[in-house]
Amino acid sequence: MPERHSLEVIWPDGRRSQVQPGQDWLQAAAEAGYAIPTGCLGGSCGACELEVNGQLVRACIATVPASPSGRLLLEIAVDPHW
């Protein structure tokens, strides 16, 4: 099995943490002390939608992708007061 290297994630509030590719986004956020807004936790409502290096993902059903640069920049894609 190939070795997985950790990635630096830059969260919407500017904090940074190290995460593993394949890790659940909600778990990675909790470990970093960042709260991703959630709603249904099944991928249908979109409350947890993030923009990850320009790509939209729903954090409740997605995992951290690999990144050739070793960094992922996140933005909240929906109104956090949804």
N, C-alpha and C. Protein backbone atom coordinates (compact mmCIF):
# COMPACT_ATOMS: atom_id res chain seq x y z
N MET A 1 0.85 -1.18 0.00
CA MET A 1 0.00 0.00 0.00
C MET A 1 0.89 1.24 0.00
N PRO A 2 0.62 2.23 -0.89
CA PRO A 2 1.46 3.42 -0.94
C PRO A 2 1.31 4.26 0.32
N GLU A 3 2.38 4.92 0.69
CA GLU A 3 2.37 5.79 1.87
C GLU A 3 1.56 7.05 1.55
N ARG A 4 0.72 7.45 2.48
CA ARG A 4 -0.07 8.67 2.30
C ARG A 4 0.58 9.79 3.11
N HIS A 5 0.84 10.89 2.44
CA HIS A 5 1.45 12.03 3.10
C HIS A 5 0.36 12.99 3.55
N SER A 6 0.58 13.62 4.70
CA SER A 6 -0.40 14.57 5.18
C SER A 6 -0.40 15.82 4.31
N LEU A 7 -1.53 16.51 4.32
CA LEU A 7 -1.72 17.74 3.56
C LEU A 7 -1.95 18.88 4.53
N GLU A 8 -1.57 20.06 4.14
CA GLU A 8 -1.91 21.24 4.92
C GLU A 8 -3.26 21.74 4.42
N VAL A 9 -4.19 21.93 5.35
CA VAL A 9 -5.50 22.50 5.02
C VAL A 9 -5.55 23.90 5.62
N ILE A 10 -5.97 24.84 4.80
CA ILE A 10 -6.18 26.21 5.27
C ILE A 10 -7.70 26.40 5.34
N TRP A 11 -8.20 26.48 6.56
CA TRP A 11 -9.64 26.56 6.83
C TRP A 11 -10.15 27.96 6.53
N PRO A 12 -11.47 28.13 6.34
CA PRO A 12 -12.03 29.44 6.00
C PRO A 12 -11.71 30.55 7.01
N ASP A 13 -11.46 30.20 8.27
CA ASP A 13 -11.14 31.23 9.26
C ASP A 13 -9.64 31.51 9.34
N GLY A 14 -8.84 30.88 8.45
CA GLY A 14 -7.41 31.13 8.40
C GLY A 14 -6.55 30.15 9.18
N ARG A 15 -7.16 29.36 10.05
CA ARG A 15 -6.34 28.38 10.79
C ARG A 15 -5.85 27.30 9.83
N ARG A 16 -4.79 26.66 10.21
CA ARG A 16 -4.16 25.62 9.40
C ARG A 16 -4.04 24.34 10.20
N SER A 17 -4.16 23.22 9.51
CA SER A 17 -3.96 21.93 10.17
C SER A 17 -3.43 20.93 9.15
N GLN A 18 -2.96 19.81 9.66
CA GLN A 18 -2.48 18.72 8.83
C GLN A 18 -3.54 17.63 8.82
N VAL A 19 -3.89 17.14 7.65
CA VAL A 19 -4.89 16.07 7.52
C VAL A 19 -4.35 15.01 6.57
N GLN A 20 -4.98 13.86 6.60
CA GLN A 20 -4.60 12.75 5.73
C GLN A 20 -5.59 12.64 4.57
N PRO A 21 -5.10 12.43 3.35
CA PRO A 21 -6.02 12.15 2.25
C PRO A 21 -6.89 10.94 2.61
N GLY A 22 -8.16 11.03 2.28
CA GLY A 22 -9.09 9.95 2.59
C GLY A 22 -9.82 10.13 3.91
N GLN A 23 -9.37 11.07 4.74
CA GLN A 23 -10.03 11.33 6.02
C GLN A 23 -11.37 12.02 5.76
N ASP A 24 -12.36 11.75 6.59
CA ASP A 24 -13.66 12.43 6.48
C ASP A 24 -13.47 13.92 6.76
N TRP A 25 -14.12 14.76 5.96
CA TRP A 25 -14.00 16.20 6.17
C TRP A 25 -14.50 16.64 7.54
N LEU A 26 -15.62 16.11 8.00
CA LEU A 26 -16.16 16.53 9.29
C LEU A 26 -15.22 16.15 10.43
N GLN A 27 -14.58 14.99 10.33
CA GLN A 27 -13.61 14.57 11.35
C GLN A 27 -12.38 15.48 11.31
N ALA A 28 -11.89 15.77 10.12
CA ALA A 28 -10.72 16.65 9.99
C ALA A 28 -11.01 18.03 10.56
N ALA A 29 -12.20 18.54 10.30
CA ALA A 29 -12.58 19.85 10.82
C ALA A 29 -12.66 19.83 12.34
N ALA A 30 -13.28 18.80 12.89
CA ALA A 30 -13.40 18.70 14.35
C ALA A 30 -12.02 18.65 15.00
N GLU A 31 -11.10 17.88 14.42
CA GLU A 31 -9.75 17.79 14.98
C GLU A 31 -9.01 19.12 14.90
N ALA A 32 -9.36 19.95 13.91
CA ALA A 32 -8.73 21.27 13.75
C ALA A 32 -9.42 22.34 14.58
N GLY A 33 -10.56 21.98 15.20
CA GLY A 33 -11.30 22.97 15.98
C GLY A 33 -12.14 23.89 15.12
N TYR A 34 -12.47 23.44 13.91
CA TYR A 34 -13.28 24.24 13.00
C TYR A 34 -14.63 23.58 12.83
N ALA A 35 -15.71 24.34 12.94
CA ALA A 35 -17.06 23.78 12.81
C ALA A 35 -17.60 24.03 11.41
N ILE A 36 -17.80 22.97 10.66
CA ILE A 36 -18.44 23.07 9.35
C ILE A 36 -19.95 23.04 9.59
N PRO A 37 -20.69 23.99 9.02
CA PRO A 37 -22.15 23.95 9.18
C PRO A 37 -22.70 22.65 8.61
N THR A 38 -23.67 22.06 9.27
CA THR A 38 -24.29 20.83 8.78
C THR A 38 -25.80 20.94 8.86
N GLY A 39 -26.46 20.08 8.15
CA GLY A 39 -27.92 20.03 8.16
C GLY A 39 -28.35 18.58 8.21
N CYS A 40 -28.49 17.98 7.05
CA CYS A 40 -29.04 16.62 6.95
C CYS A 40 -28.02 15.52 7.24
N LEU A 41 -26.74 15.78 7.05
CA LEU A 41 -25.65 14.80 7.19
C LEU A 41 -25.77 13.64 6.20
N GLY A 42 -26.54 13.86 5.13
CA GLY A 42 -26.69 12.83 4.10
C GLY A 42 -26.37 13.32 2.70
N GLY A 43 -25.95 14.57 2.57
CA GLY A 43 -25.55 15.11 1.27
C GLY A 43 -26.64 15.79 0.47
N SER A 44 -27.86 15.83 0.97
CA SER A 44 -28.94 16.40 0.16
C SER A 44 -29.21 17.88 0.39
N CYS A 45 -28.93 18.42 1.58
CA CYS A 45 -29.32 19.80 1.86
C CYS A 45 -28.29 20.84 1.42
N GLY A 46 -27.02 20.49 1.39
CA GLY A 46 -25.99 21.41 0.96
C GLY A 46 -25.47 22.36 2.02
N ALA A 47 -25.92 22.25 3.25
CA ALA A 47 -25.47 23.16 4.31
C ALA A 47 -23.97 23.07 4.55
N CYS A 48 -23.38 21.91 4.30
CA CYS A 48 -21.96 21.68 4.57
C CYS A 48 -21.08 21.87 3.34
N GLU A 49 -21.62 22.48 2.30
CA GLU A 49 -20.88 22.60 1.05
C GLU A 49 -19.64 23.48 1.22
N LEU A 50 -18.52 22.93 0.80
CA LEU A 50 -17.23 23.63 0.85
C LEU A 50 -16.70 23.79 -0.56
N GLU A 51 -15.90 24.81 -0.73
CA GLU A 51 -15.12 24.95 -1.95
C GLU A 51 -13.69 24.55 -1.58
N VAL A 52 -13.20 23.48 -2.17
CA VAL A 52 -11.87 22.94 -1.87
C VAL A 52 -11.01 23.14 -3.11
N ASN A 53 -10.07 24.08 -3.02
CA ASN A 53 -9.24 24.42 -4.19
C ASN A 53 -10.11 24.65 -5.43
N GLY A 54 -11.25 25.33 -5.22
CA GLY A 54 -12.12 25.69 -6.33
C GLY A 54 -13.16 24.66 -6.72
N GLN A 55 -13.16 23.49 -6.09
CA GLN A 55 -14.12 22.43 -6.40
C GLN A 55 -15.15 22.33 -5.27
N LEU A 56 -16.43 22.27 -5.62
CA LEU A 56 -17.47 22.14 -4.60
C LEU A 56 -17.58 20.70 -4.11
N VAL A 57 -17.64 20.54 -2.79
CA VAL A 57 -17.84 19.23 -2.17
C VAL A 57 -18.82 19.39 -1.02
N ARG A 58 -19.51 18.34 -0.72
CA ARG A 58 -20.39 18.32 0.46
C ARG A 58 -19.64 17.55 1.54
N ALA A 59 -19.23 18.27 2.56
CA ALA A 59 -18.33 17.73 3.58
C ALA A 59 -18.90 16.51 4.31
N CYS A 60 -20.21 16.41 4.43
CA CYS A 60 -20.78 15.30 5.19
C CYS A 60 -20.65 13.96 4.48
N ILE A 61 -20.41 13.99 3.16
CA ILE A 61 -20.31 12.73 2.42
C ILE A 61 -19.00 12.62 1.63
N ALA A 62 -18.09 13.57 1.83
CA ALA A 62 -16.83 13.58 1.07
C ALA A 62 -15.64 13.35 1.98
N THR A 63 -14.56 12.94 1.35
CA THR A 63 -13.31 12.77 2.08
C THR A 63 -12.27 13.72 1.51
N VAL A 64 -11.22 13.92 2.28
CA VAL A 64 -10.12 14.80 1.88
C VAL A 64 -9.44 14.20 0.65
N PRO A 65 -9.34 14.98 -0.43
CA PRO A 65 -8.68 14.45 -1.63
C PRO A 65 -7.16 14.61 -1.54
N ALA A 66 -6.47 13.86 -2.37
CA ALA A 66 -5.03 14.08 -2.51
C ALA A 66 -4.82 15.41 -3.21
N SER A 67 -3.67 16.01 -3.00
CA SER A 67 -3.35 17.28 -3.65
C SER A 67 -1.88 17.29 -4.03
N PRO A 68 -1.58 17.44 -5.32
CA PRO A 68 -0.17 17.47 -5.74
C PRO A 68 0.64 18.57 -5.05
N SER A 69 -0.02 19.67 -4.71
CA SER A 69 0.68 20.79 -4.07
C SER A 69 0.91 20.56 -2.58
N GLY A 70 0.18 19.58 -2.00
CA GLY A 70 0.29 19.34 -0.56
C GLY A 70 -0.53 20.31 0.27
N ARG A 71 -1.34 21.15 -0.38
CA ARG A 71 -2.18 22.12 0.33
C ARG A 71 -3.60 22.12 -0.22
N LEU A 72 -4.55 22.36 0.65
CA LEU A 72 -5.94 22.53 0.26
C LEU A 72 -6.45 23.82 0.89
N LEU A 73 -7.03 24.69 0.07
CA LEU A 73 -7.61 25.94 0.54
C LEU A 73 -9.12 25.78 0.54
N LEU A 74 -9.74 26.02 1.70
CA LEU A 74 -11.18 25.83 1.84
C LEU A 74 -11.90 27.16 2.00
N GLU A 75 -13.09 27.22 1.44
CA GLU A 75 -14.02 28.32 1.65
C GLU A 75 -15.39 27.70 1.88
N ILE A 76 -16.20 28.35 2.71
CA ILE A 76 -17.59 27.91 2.88
C ILE A 76 -18.36 28.36 1.64
N ALA A 77 -19.06 27.45 1.00
CA ALA A 77 -19.75 27.77 -0.26
C ALA A 77 -21.17 28.27 -0.06
N VAL A 78 -21.73 28.13 1.15
CA VAL A 78 -23.10 28.58 1.41
C VAL A 78 -23.09 29.52 2.60
N ASP A 79 -24.20 30.20 2.80
CA ASP A 79 -24.36 31.10 3.93
C ASP A 79 -24.22 30.30 5.23
N PRO A 80 -23.23 30.64 6.09
CA PRO A 80 -23.04 29.86 7.32
C PRO A 80 -24.20 30.01 8.31
N HIS A 81 -25.10 30.93 8.06
CA HIS A 81 -26.27 31.11 8.95
C HIS A 81 -27.52 30.53 8.32
N TRP A 82 -27.31 29.63 7.39
CA TRP A 82 -28.32 28.90 6.66
C TRP A 82 -29.44 28.54 7.57
